[in-house]
Amino acid sequence: MRKRAMSITPIAVLSGLLMSPVLVLAQMPSEQPSAAKDKSAEPSDPRNLNGMWEFFANIPGQGIYATPSKNPPPMTPWAKAKYDEARPGYGPKAQAGGNDPILKCFPTGIPRIIFFPQPLEIVQMPERMFMFFEREHEWRQIWTDGRSHPKNLEPTWMGDSIGKWDGDTFVVDTVGLTEKSWLDFYGDPHSDDMHLIERYKRVDRDSLTLQVIVEDPKAYTSTWVGDTKTYKLLKGKKAYMDELPCIPEEEDSFTNRIRMPAAGKKPE
């Protein structure tokens, strides 16, 4: 089984919660000050995932950065051939001027985009949930109205997603994902037949966990059960998304200025 070196980009720790101001009632000299209720201490609704979240890579036990887990299951010959052809722009296999789809501004795709340490916003509505991503300003919809997946889906970058609650865990079931995307930064492949499960759980007011499960017999000899990822709620001025579209000219410029020299190669 392959093992990968850890590749974690530190992310600043979120600021502490502010205590509510103390409200002093001075109607009678003998009356003691009364502290206003600290709303930050109230438990959150575990079925309310609304908010702007960020992948929090610098947490002990978080697991390897930007992939379902450190140790994927063995690949099939079909997947191994695709993996060997992959030349990522990042990670332990990084090669400047590689063939990572995102270097050509192809959509990042699911699940890879949810591993970026950049904000994603969840918006719940009565019959569907939206996810908006800072990266590429991508978005996806997850249907929660009880429908099933359509038949004969044409593969797309985000696929077709349906969601439902399993207790306090929100389970997203996605099919119809194009094999043009990579699973992660390392060039791990998947086929058009991949069945992706995401399990989201709001464990407290400021923390959301995610486990990704990959079922793809064409690519892997067993189910790839990911480790637990943790996301933190962004609040105040931190709850903000920059404009980060992917522009081919800028991506090429970054490769020539940063990636090529870092790899000891001359810019093209």
C-alpha atoms as a PDB file:
ATOM      1  CA  MET A   1       0.000   0.000   0.000  1.00  0.00           C
ATOM      2  CA  ARG A   2       1.356   3.408  -0.931  1.00  0.00           C
ATOM      3  CA  LYS A   3       2.228   5.860   1.815  1.00  0.00           C
ATOM      4  CA  ARG A   4       2.585   9.538   1.238  1.00  0.00           C
ATOM      5  CA  ALA A   5       4.621  12.208   2.958  1.00  0.00           C
ATOM      6  CA  MET A   6       2.579  14.709   4.916  1.00  0.00           C
ATOM      7  CA  SER A   7       1.947  17.932   3.012  1.00  0.00           C
ATOM      8  CA  ILE A   8       0.171  20.416   5.251  1.00  0.00           C
ATOM      9  CA  THR A   9      -0.122  24.148   4.781  1.00  0.00           C
ATOM     10  CA  PRO A  10      -0.575  25.863   8.167  1.00  0.00           C
ATOM     11  CA  ILE A  11      -3.705  27.924   8.558  1.00  0.00           C
ATOM     12  CA  ALA A  12      -4.028  30.638  11.182  1.00  0.00           C
ATOM     13  CA  VAL A  13      -6.086  29.637  14.241  1.00  0.00           C
ATOM     14  CA  LEU A  14      -9.476  31.306  14.382  1.00  0.00           C
ATOM     15  CA  SER A  15      -9.884  34.098  16.889  1.00  0.00           C
ATOM     16  CA  GLY A  16     -11.623  33.337  20.232  1.00  0.00           C
ATOM     17  CA  LEU A  17     -15.257  33.993  20.820  1.00  0.00           C
ATOM     18  CA  LEU A  18     -16.126  37.382  22.234  1.00  0.00           C
ATOM     19  CA  MET A  19     -18.050  37.425  25.462  1.00  0.00           C
ATOM     20  CA  SER A  20     -21.343  39.305  25.518  1.00  0.00           C
ATOM     21  CA  PRO A  21     -21.172  42.637  27.373  1.00  0.00           C
ATOM     22  CA  VAL A  22     -22.286  42.763  30.975  1.00  0.00           C
ATOM     23  CA  LEU A  23     -25.558  44.550  31.489  1.00  0.00           C
ATOM     24  CA  VAL A  24     -25.707  46.363  34.844  1.00  0.00           C
ATOM     25  CA  LEU A  25     -29.093  47.202  36.257  1.00  0.00           C
ATOM     26  CA  ALA A  26     -28.806  49.963  38.846  1.00  0.00           C
ATOM     27  CA  GLN A  27     -32.386  50.433  39.877  1.00  0.00           C
ATOM     28  CA  MET A  28     -31.657  49.626  43.576  1.00  0.00           C
ATOM     29  CA  PRO A  29     -28.355  49.977  45.484  1.00  0.00           C
ATOM     30  CA  SER A  30     -28.578  46.426  46.844  1.00  0.00           C
ATOM     31  CA  GLU A  31     -29.141  44.818  43.409  1.00  0.00           C
ATOM     32  CA  GLN A  32     -26.229  42.775  42.063  1.00  0.00           C
ATOM     33  CA  PRO A  33     -25.004  43.253  38.447  1.00  0.00           C
ATOM     34  CA  SER A  34     -26.575  40.784  36.049  1.00  0.00           C
ATOM     35  CA  ALA A  35     -24.456  39.368  33.223  1.00  0.00           C
ATOM     36  CA  ALA A  36     -26.168  39.090  29.860  1.00  0.00           C
ATOM     37  CA  LYS A  37     -26.468  35.555  28.578  1.00  0.00           C
ATOM     38  CA  ASP A  38     -23.445  34.454  26.575  1.00  0.00           C
ATOM     39  CA  LYS A  39     -25.057  33.292  23.343  1.00  0.00           C
ATOM     40  CA  SER A  40     -21.763  31.879  22.118  1.00  0.00           C
ATOM     41  CA  ALA A  41     -22.095  29.158  24.771  1.00  0.00           C
ATOM     42  CA  GLU A  42     -25.457  27.994  23.489  1.00  0.00           C
ATOM     43  CA  PRO A  43     -25.364  24.678  21.612  1.00  0.00           C
ATOM     44  CA  SER A  44     -25.821  24.928  17.865  1.00  0.00           C
ATOM     45  CA  ASP A  45     -28.520  23.100  15.935  1.00  0.00           C
ATOM     46  CA  PRO A  46     -26.666  20.049  14.538  1.00  0.00           C
ATOM     47  CA  ARG A  47     -28.928  20.111  11.491  1.00  0.00           C
ATOM     48  CA  ASN A  48     -28.033  23.687  10.664  1.00  0.00           C
ATOM     49  CA  LEU A  49     -24.930  23.679   8.446  1.00  0.00           C
ATOM     50  CA  ASN A  50     -25.388  27.246   7.208  1.00  0.00           C
ATOM     51  CA  GLY A  51     -22.306  29.399   7.307  1.00  0.00           C
ATOM     52  CA  MET A  52     -18.906  29.982   5.769  1.00  0.00           C
ATOM     53  CA  TRP A  53     -16.428  27.229   6.603  1.00  0.00           C
ATOM     54  CA  GLU A  54     -12.729  26.660   6.000  1.00  0.00           C
ATOM     55  CA  PHE A  55     -10.722  23.471   5.935  1.00  0.00           C
ATOM     56  CA  PHE A  56      -8.587  23.581   9.067  1.00  0.00           C
ATOM     57  CA  ALA A  57      -5.470  21.606   8.194  1.00  0.00           C
ATOM     58  CA  ASN A  58      -3.418  22.496  11.267  1.00  0.00           C
ATOM     59  CA  ILE A  59      -5.396  20.339  13.728  1.00  0.00           C
ATOM     60  CA  PRO A  60      -3.730  17.323  15.406  1.00  0.00           C
ATOM     61  CA  GLY A  61      -5.098  14.138  13.891  1.00  0.00           C
ATOM     62  CA  GLN A  62      -6.597  16.003  10.959  1.00  0.00           C
ATOM     63  CA  GLY A  63      -5.050  13.597   8.485  1.00  0.00           C
ATOM     64  CA  ILE A  64      -3.129  14.243   5.324  1.00  0.00           C
ATOM     65  CA  TYR A  65      -3.895  17.422   3.471  1.00  0.00           C
ATOM     66  CA  ALA A  66      -5.882  17.462   0.241  1.00  0.00           C
ATOM     67  CA  THR A  67      -6.747  13.787  -0.166  1.00  0.00           C
ATOM     68  CA  PRO A  68      -9.365  11.452   1.367  1.00  0.00           C
ATOM     69  CA  SER A  69      -6.716   9.711   3.499  1.00  0.00           C
ATOM     70  CA  LYS A  70      -3.000   8.985   3.606  1.00  0.00           C
ATOM     71  CA  ASN A  71      -3.277   5.356   2.535  1.00  0.00           C
ATOM     72  CA  PRO A  72      -5.572   4.699  -0.433  1.00  0.00           C
ATOM     73  CA  PRO A  73      -6.587   1.128  -1.307  1.00  0.00           C
ATOM     74  CA  PRO A  74      -4.708  -0.689  -4.085  1.00  0.00           C
ATOM     75  CA  MET A  75      -5.463   0.538  -7.585  1.00  0.00           C
ATOM     76  CA  THR A  76      -6.628  -1.529 -10.503  1.00  0.00           C
ATOM     77  CA  PRO A  77      -4.292  -1.733 -13.532  1.00  0.00           C
ATOM     78  CA  TRP A  78      -6.484   0.852 -15.291  1.00  0.00           C
ATOM     79  CA  ALA A  79      -6.134   3.344 -12.451  1.00  0.00           C
ATOM     80  CA  LYS A  80      -2.426   2.602 -11.873  1.00  0.00           C
ATOM     81  CA  ALA A  81      -1.683   3.468 -15.495  1.00  0.00           C
ATOM     82  CA  LYS A  82      -3.514   6.787 -15.137  1.00  0.00           C
ATOM     83  CA  TYR A  83      -1.763   7.493 -11.827  1.00  0.00           C
ATOM     84  CA  ASP A  84       1.647   6.830 -13.365  1.00  0.00           C
ATOM     85  CA  GLU A  85       0.857   9.286 -16.154  1.00  0.00           C
ATOM     86  CA  ALA A  86      -0.169  12.017 -13.695  1.00  0.00           C
ATOM     87  CA  ARG A  87       2.386  14.771 -13.137  1.00  0.00           C
ATOM     88  CA  PRO A  88       0.928  16.958 -10.361  1.00  0.00           C
ATOM     89  CA  GLY A  89       1.925  20.562  -9.799  1.00  0.00           C
ATOM     90  CA  TYR A  90       1.897  20.052  -6.025  1.00  0.00           C
ATOM     91  CA  GLY A  91       2.725  17.392  -3.435  1.00  0.00           C
ATOM     92  CA  PRO A  92       5.420  14.693  -3.282  1.00  0.00           C
ATOM     93  CA  LYS A  93       5.066  13.913  -7.020  1.00  0.00           C
ATOM     94  CA  ALA A  94       5.204  17.589  -7.992  1.00  0.00           C
ATOM     95  CA  GLN A  95       6.667  18.357 -11.398  1.00  0.00           C
ATOM     96  CA  ALA A  96       6.834  21.893 -12.695  1.00  0.00           C
ATOM     97  CA  GLY A  97       4.902  22.161 -15.923  1.00  0.00           C
ATOM     98  CA  GLY A  98       3.004  18.962 -15.127  1.00  0.00           C
ATOM     99  CA  ASN A  99      -0.359  17.805 -16.456  1.00  0.00           C
ATOM    100  CA  ASP A 100      -2.559  18.634 -13.455  1.00  0.00           C
ATOM    101  CA  PRO A 101      -5.963  19.634 -14.939  1.00  0.00           C
ATOM    102  CA  ILE A 102      -6.231  22.673 -12.658  1.00  0.00           C
ATOM    103  CA  LEU A 103      -3.039  24.128 -14.173  1.00  0.00           C
ATOM    104  CA  LYS A 104      -5.043  24.584 -17.377  1.00  0.00           C
ATOM    105  CA  CYS A 105      -7.952  26.071 -15.430  1.00  0.00           C
ATOM    106  CA  PHE A 106     -10.145  23.004 -15.747  1.00  0.00           C
ATOM    107  CA  PRO A 107     -12.702  22.890 -12.906  1.00  0.00           C
ATOM    108  CA  THR A 108     -11.240  21.322  -9.764  1.00  0.00           C
ATOM    109  CA  GLY A 109     -14.220  19.000  -9.297  1.00  0.00           C
ATOM    110  CA  ILE A 110     -15.584  17.029  -6.363  1.00  0.00           C
ATOM    111  CA  PRO A 111     -14.222  15.898  -3.952  1.00  0.00           C
ATOM    112  CA  ARG A 112     -10.903  17.668  -4.598  1.00  0.00           C
ATOM    113  CA  ILE A 113     -12.236  21.212  -4.266  1.00  0.00           C
ATOM    114  CA  ILE A 114     -13.456  20.606  -0.716  1.00  0.00           C
ATOM    115  CA  PHE A 115      -9.877  19.824   0.385  1.00  0.00           C
ATOM    116  CA  PHE A 116      -8.577  23.310  -0.427  1.00  0.00           C
ATOM    117  CA  PRO A 117      -7.812  25.523   2.603  1.00  0.00           C
ATOM    118  CA  GLN A 118     -10.107  28.198   1.225  1.00  0.00           C
ATOM    119  CA  PRO A 119     -13.610  29.241   2.304  1.00  0.00           C
ATOM    120  CA  LEU A 120     -16.729  27.395   1.255  1.00  0.00           C
ATOM    121  CA  GLU A 121     -20.205  28.589   2.128  1.00  0.00           C
ATOM    122  CA  ILE A 122     -23.170  26.318   2.807  1.00  0.00           C
ATOM    123  CA  VAL A 123     -26.679  27.635   2.239  1.00  0.00           C
ATOM    124  CA  GLN A 124     -29.612  25.397   3.174  1.00  0.00           C
ATOM    125  CA  MET A 125     -32.995  25.781   1.520  1.00  0.00           C
ATOM    126  CA  PRO A 126     -36.185  23.728   1.900  1.00  0.00           C
ATOM    127  CA  GLU A 127     -35.522  21.424  -1.069  1.00  0.00           C
ATOM    128  CA  ARG A 128     -31.815  21.747  -1.771  1.00  0.00           C
ATOM    129  CA  MET A 129     -28.495  22.839  -0.355  1.00  0.00           C
ATOM    130  CA  PHE A 130     -25.931  25.022  -2.103  1.00  0.00           C
ATOM    131  CA  MET A 131     -22.167  25.044  -1.660  1.00  0.00           C
ATOM    132  CA  PHE A 132     -20.264  28.086  -2.883  1.00  0.00           C
ATOM    133  CA  PHE A 133     -16.467  27.904  -3.125  1.00  0.00           C
ATOM    134  CA  GLU A 134     -13.929  30.710  -3.076  1.00  0.00           C
ATOM    135  CA  ARG A 135     -11.737  28.698  -5.414  1.00  0.00           C
ATOM    136  CA  GLU A 136     -12.745  29.425  -9.026  1.00  0.00           C
ATOM    137  CA  HIS A 137     -16.058  30.780  -7.665  1.00  0.00           C
ATOM    138  CA  GLU A 138     -17.427  27.292  -8.227  1.00  0.00           C
ATOM    139  CA  TRP A 139     -20.758  26.144  -6.799  1.00  0.00           C
ATOM    140  CA  ARG A 140     -22.780  22.955  -6.507  1.00  0.00           C
ATOM    141  CA  GLN A 141     -26.342  22.018  -5.616  1.00  0.00           C
ATOM    142  CA  ILE A 142     -27.399  19.084  -3.464  1.00  0.00           C
ATOM    143  CA  TRP A 143     -31.047  18.075  -3.778  1.00  0.00           C
ATOM    144  CA  THR A 144     -32.840  17.270  -0.515  1.00  0.00           C
ATOM    145  CA  ASP A 145     -36.403  16.827  -1.824  1.00  0.00           C
ATOM    146  CA  GLY A 146     -36.308  13.021  -1.835  1.00  0.00           C
ATOM    147  CA  ARG A 147     -35.532  12.562  -5.512  1.00  0.00           C
ATOM    148  CA  SER A 148     -33.306   9.819  -6.927  1.00  0.00           C
ATOM    149  CA  HIS A 149     -30.423  10.191  -9.354  1.00  0.00           C
ATOM    150  CA  PRO A 150     -31.521  10.562 -12.992  1.00  0.00           C
ATOM    151  CA  LYS A 151     -30.837   7.676 -15.354  1.00  0.00           C
ATOM    152  CA  ASN A 152     -28.159   7.864 -18.064  1.00  0.00           C
ATOM    153  CA  LEU A 153     -26.311  10.825 -16.565  1.00  0.00           C
ATOM    154  CA  GLU A 154     -23.782  12.654 -18.705  1.00  0.00           C
ATOM    155  CA  PRO A 155     -20.628  12.986 -16.550  1.00  0.00           C
ATOM    156  CA  THR A 156     -19.922  16.518 -15.295  1.00  0.00           C
ATOM    157  CA  TRP A 157     -17.364  18.194 -13.019  1.00  0.00           C
ATOM    158  CA  MET A 158     -19.751  18.392 -10.039  1.00  0.00           C
ATOM    159  CA  GLY A 159     -21.919  15.383 -10.840  1.00  0.00           C
ATOM    160  CA  ASP A 160     -25.454  14.863  -9.540  1.00  0.00           C
ATOM    161  CA  SER A 161     -25.815  15.128  -5.760  1.00  0.00           C
ATOM    162  CA  ILE A 162     -28.681  14.199  -3.457  1.00  0.00           C
ATOM    163  CA  GLY A 163     -28.626  14.559   0.312  1.00  0.00           C
ATOM    164  CA  LYS A 164     -30.498  13.331   3.357  1.00  0.00           C
ATOM    165  CA  TRP A 165     -30.114  13.305   7.132  1.00  0.00           C
ATOM    166  CA  ASP A 166     -28.921  10.225   8.986  1.00  0.00           C
ATOM    167  CA  GLY A 167     -29.557  11.353  12.554  1.00  0.00           C
ATOM    168  CA  ASP A 168     -27.390  14.449  12.951  1.00  0.00           C
ATOM    169  CA  THR A 169     -25.170  13.571   9.980  1.00  0.00           C
ATOM    170  CA  PHE A 170     -25.891  15.020   6.542  1.00  0.00           C
ATOM    171  CA  VAL A 171     -25.097  12.391   3.911  1.00  0.00           C
ATOM    172  CA  VAL A 172     -24.433  13.462   0.330  1.00  0.00           C
ATOM    173  CA  ASP A 173     -24.608  10.853  -2.432  1.00  0.00           C
ATOM    174  CA  THR A 174     -22.980  11.876  -5.728  1.00  0.00           C
ATOM    175  CA  VAL A 175     -22.672  10.100  -9.091  1.00  0.00           C
ATOM    176  CA  GLY A 176     -22.014  11.225 -12.652  1.00  0.00           C
ATOM    177  CA  LEU A 177     -18.566  12.741 -12.013  1.00  0.00           C
ATOM    178  CA  THR A 178     -16.288  13.032 -15.026  1.00  0.00           C
ATOM    179  CA  GLU A 179     -13.022  11.131 -14.851  1.00  0.00           C
ATOM    180  CA  LYS A 180     -11.290  14.202 -16.317  1.00  0.00           C
ATOM    181  CA  SER A 181     -10.879  15.484 -12.747  1.00  0.00           C
ATOM    182  CA  TRP A 182      -8.459  14.136 -10.137  1.00  0.00           C
ATOM    183  CA  LEU A 183      -9.543  13.010  -6.690  1.00  0.00           C
ATOM    184  CA  ASP A 184      -6.831  15.057  -5.013  1.00  0.00           C
ATOM    185  CA  PHE A 185      -3.519  16.892  -5.420  1.00  0.00           C
ATOM    186  CA  TYR A 186      -1.569  13.678  -5.914  1.00  0.00           C
ATOM    187  CA  GLY A 187      -3.070  12.576  -9.193  1.00  0.00           C
ATOM    188  CA  ASP A 188      -5.212   9.791  -7.754  1.00  0.00           C
ATOM    189  CA  PRO A 189      -7.688   8.979 -10.524  1.00  0.00           C
ATOM    190  CA  HIS A 190     -11.323   7.970 -10.601  1.00  0.00           C
ATOM    191  CA  SER A 191     -13.642   6.727 -13.312  1.00  0.00           C
ATOM    192  CA  ASP A 192     -16.935   8.079 -14.626  1.00  0.00           C
ATOM    193  CA  ASP A 193     -18.577   5.341 -12.539  1.00  0.00           C
ATOM    194  CA  MET A 194     -17.339   6.627  -9.175  1.00  0.00           C
ATOM    195  CA  HIS A 195     -19.905   6.711  -6.376  1.00  0.00           C
ATOM    196  CA  LEU A 196     -18.974   9.376  -3.834  1.00  0.00           C
ATOM    197  CA  ILE A 197     -20.373   9.621  -0.302  1.00  0.00           C
ATOM    198  CA  GLU A 198     -19.773  12.674   1.925  1.00  0.00           C
ATOM    199  CA  ARG A 199     -20.766  12.617   5.598  1.00  0.00           C
ATOM    200  CA  TYR A 200     -21.004  16.067   7.223  1.00  0.00           C
ATOM    201  CA  LYS A 201     -21.558  16.521  10.950  1.00  0.00           C
ATOM    202  CA  ARG A 202     -21.686  19.742  12.954  1.00  0.00           C
ATOM    203  CA  VAL A 203     -19.962  18.643  16.145  1.00  0.00           C
ATOM    204  CA  ASP A 204     -20.239  22.036  17.888  1.00  0.00           C
ATOM    205  CA  ARG A 205     -21.045  25.661  17.122  1.00  0.00           C
ATOM    206  CA  ASP A 206     -17.761  26.325  15.320  1.00  0.00           C
ATOM    207  CA  SER A 207     -16.715  22.905  13.982  1.00  0.00           C
ATOM    208  CA  LEU A 208     -17.884  20.800  11.055  1.00  0.00           C
ATOM    209  CA  THR A 209     -16.426  17.386  10.253  1.00  0.00           C
ATOM    210  CA  LEU A 210     -16.405  15.533   6.955  1.00  0.00           C
ATOM    211  CA  GLN A 211     -15.652  11.960   5.939  1.00  0.00           C
ATOM    212  CA  VAL A 212     -15.349  11.103   2.254  1.00  0.00           C
ATOM    213  CA  ILE A 213     -16.023   7.565   1.008  1.00  0.00           C
ATOM    214  CA  VAL A 214     -15.064   6.572  -2.552  1.00  0.00           C
ATOM    215  CA  GLU A 215     -16.633   3.546  -4.219  1.00  0.00           C
ATOM    216  CA  ASP A 216     -15.079   2.949  -7.651  1.00  0.00           C
ATOM    217  CA  PRO A 217     -14.406  -0.704  -8.586  1.00  0.00           C
ATOM    218  CA  LYS A 218     -12.948   0.341 -11.937  1.00  0.00           C
ATOM    219  CA  ALA A 219     -10.212   2.312 -10.142  1.00  0.00           C
ATOM    220  CA  TYR A 220      -9.782   0.740  -6.665  1.00  0.00           C
ATOM    221  CA  THR A 221      -9.914  -2.837  -5.438  1.00  0.00           C
ATOM    222  CA  SER A 222     -11.870  -1.863  -2.318  1.00  0.00           C
ATOM    223  CA  THR A 223     -13.832   1.058  -0.917  1.00  0.00           C
ATOM    224  CA  TRP A 224     -11.650   4.053  -0.015  1.00  0.00           C
ATOM    225  CA  VAL A 225     -12.842   5.231   3.413  1.00  0.00           C
ATOM    226  CA  GLY A 226     -11.328   8.629   4.177  1.00  0.00           C
ATOM    227  CA  ASP A 227     -10.222   9.988   7.521  1.00  0.00           C
ATOM    228  CA  THR A 228     -12.089  12.772   9.330  1.00  0.00           C
ATOM    229  CA  LYS A 229     -11.533  16.323   8.100  1.00  0.00           C
ATOM    230  CA  THR A 230     -12.360  19.334  10.260  1.00  0.00           C
ATOM    231  CA  TYR A 231     -13.678  22.687   9.081  1.00  0.00           C
ATOM    232  CA  LYS A 232     -14.013  25.813  11.189  1.00  0.00           C
ATOM    233  CA  LEU A 233     -16.759  28.420  11.043  1.00  0.00           C
ATOM    234  CA  LEU A 234     -15.575  31.803   9.774  1.00  0.00           C
ATOM    235  CA  LYS A 235     -17.125  34.766  11.535  1.00  0.00           C
ATOM    236  CA  GLY A 236     -17.056  38.543  11.314  1.00  0.00           C
ATOM    237  CA  LYS A 237     -14.520  39.932   8.866  1.00  0.00           C
ATOM    238  CA  LYS A 238     -13.082  36.448   8.332  1.00  0.00           C
ATOM    239  CA  ALA A 239     -16.340  35.342   6.717  1.00  0.00           C
ATOM    240  CA  TYR A 240     -15.346  36.707   3.341  1.00  0.00           C
ATOM    241  CA  MET A 241     -14.505  35.247  -0.066  1.00  0.00           C
ATOM    242  CA  ASP A 242     -11.906  36.778  -2.354  1.00  0.00           C
ATOM    243  CA  GLU A 243     -12.396  36.849  -6.108  1.00  0.00           C
ATOM    244  CA  LEU A 244     -10.247  33.946  -7.242  1.00  0.00           C
ATOM    245  CA  PRO A 245     -11.136  32.972 -10.809  1.00  0.00           C
ATOM    246  CA  CYS A 246      -8.679  30.751 -12.655  1.00  0.00           C
ATOM    247  CA  ILE A 247      -7.009  32.694 -15.478  1.00  0.00           C
ATOM    248  CA  PRO A 248      -4.765  30.634 -17.816  1.00  0.00           C
ATOM    249  CA  GLU A 249      -2.227  33.429 -18.356  1.00  0.00           C
ATOM    250  CA  GLU A 250      -1.807  33.939 -14.616  1.00  0.00           C
ATOM    251  CA  GLU A 251      -1.488  30.203 -14.020  1.00  0.00           C
ATOM    252  CA  ASP A 252       1.253  29.989 -16.671  1.00  0.00           C
ATOM    253  CA  SER A 253       3.009  33.012 -15.173  1.00  0.00           C
ATOM    254  CA  PHE A 254       2.973  31.406 -11.715  1.00  0.00           C
ATOM    255  CA  THR A 255       4.430  28.214 -13.157  1.00  0.00           C
ATOM    256  CA  ASN A 256       7.301  30.113 -14.789  1.00  0.00           C
ATOM    257  CA  ARG A 257       7.979  32.359 -11.773  1.00  0.00           C
ATOM    258  CA  ILE A 258       7.521  29.864  -8.928  1.00  0.00           C
ATOM    259  CA  ARG A 259       7.046  26.211  -9.899  1.00  0.00           C
ATOM    260  CA  MET A 260       9.812  25.915 -12.489  1.00  0.00           C
ATOM    261  CA  PRO A 261      12.563  27.585 -10.406  1.00  0.00           C
ATOM    262  CA  ALA A 262      11.491  25.572  -7.345  1.00  0.00           C
ATOM    263  CA  ALA A 263      11.997  22.402  -9.372  1.00  0.00           C
ATOM    264  CA  GLY A 264      15.391  23.600 -10.590  1.00  0.00           C
ATOM    265  CA  LYS A 265      14.137  24.108 -14.140  1.00  0.00           C
ATOM    266  CA  LYS A 266      14.330  27.061 -16.445  1.00  0.00           C
ATOM    267  CA  PRO A 267      11.064  28.852 -17.306  1.00  0.00           C
ATOM    268  CA  GLU A 268       9.574  27.893 -20.634  1.00  0.00           C
END
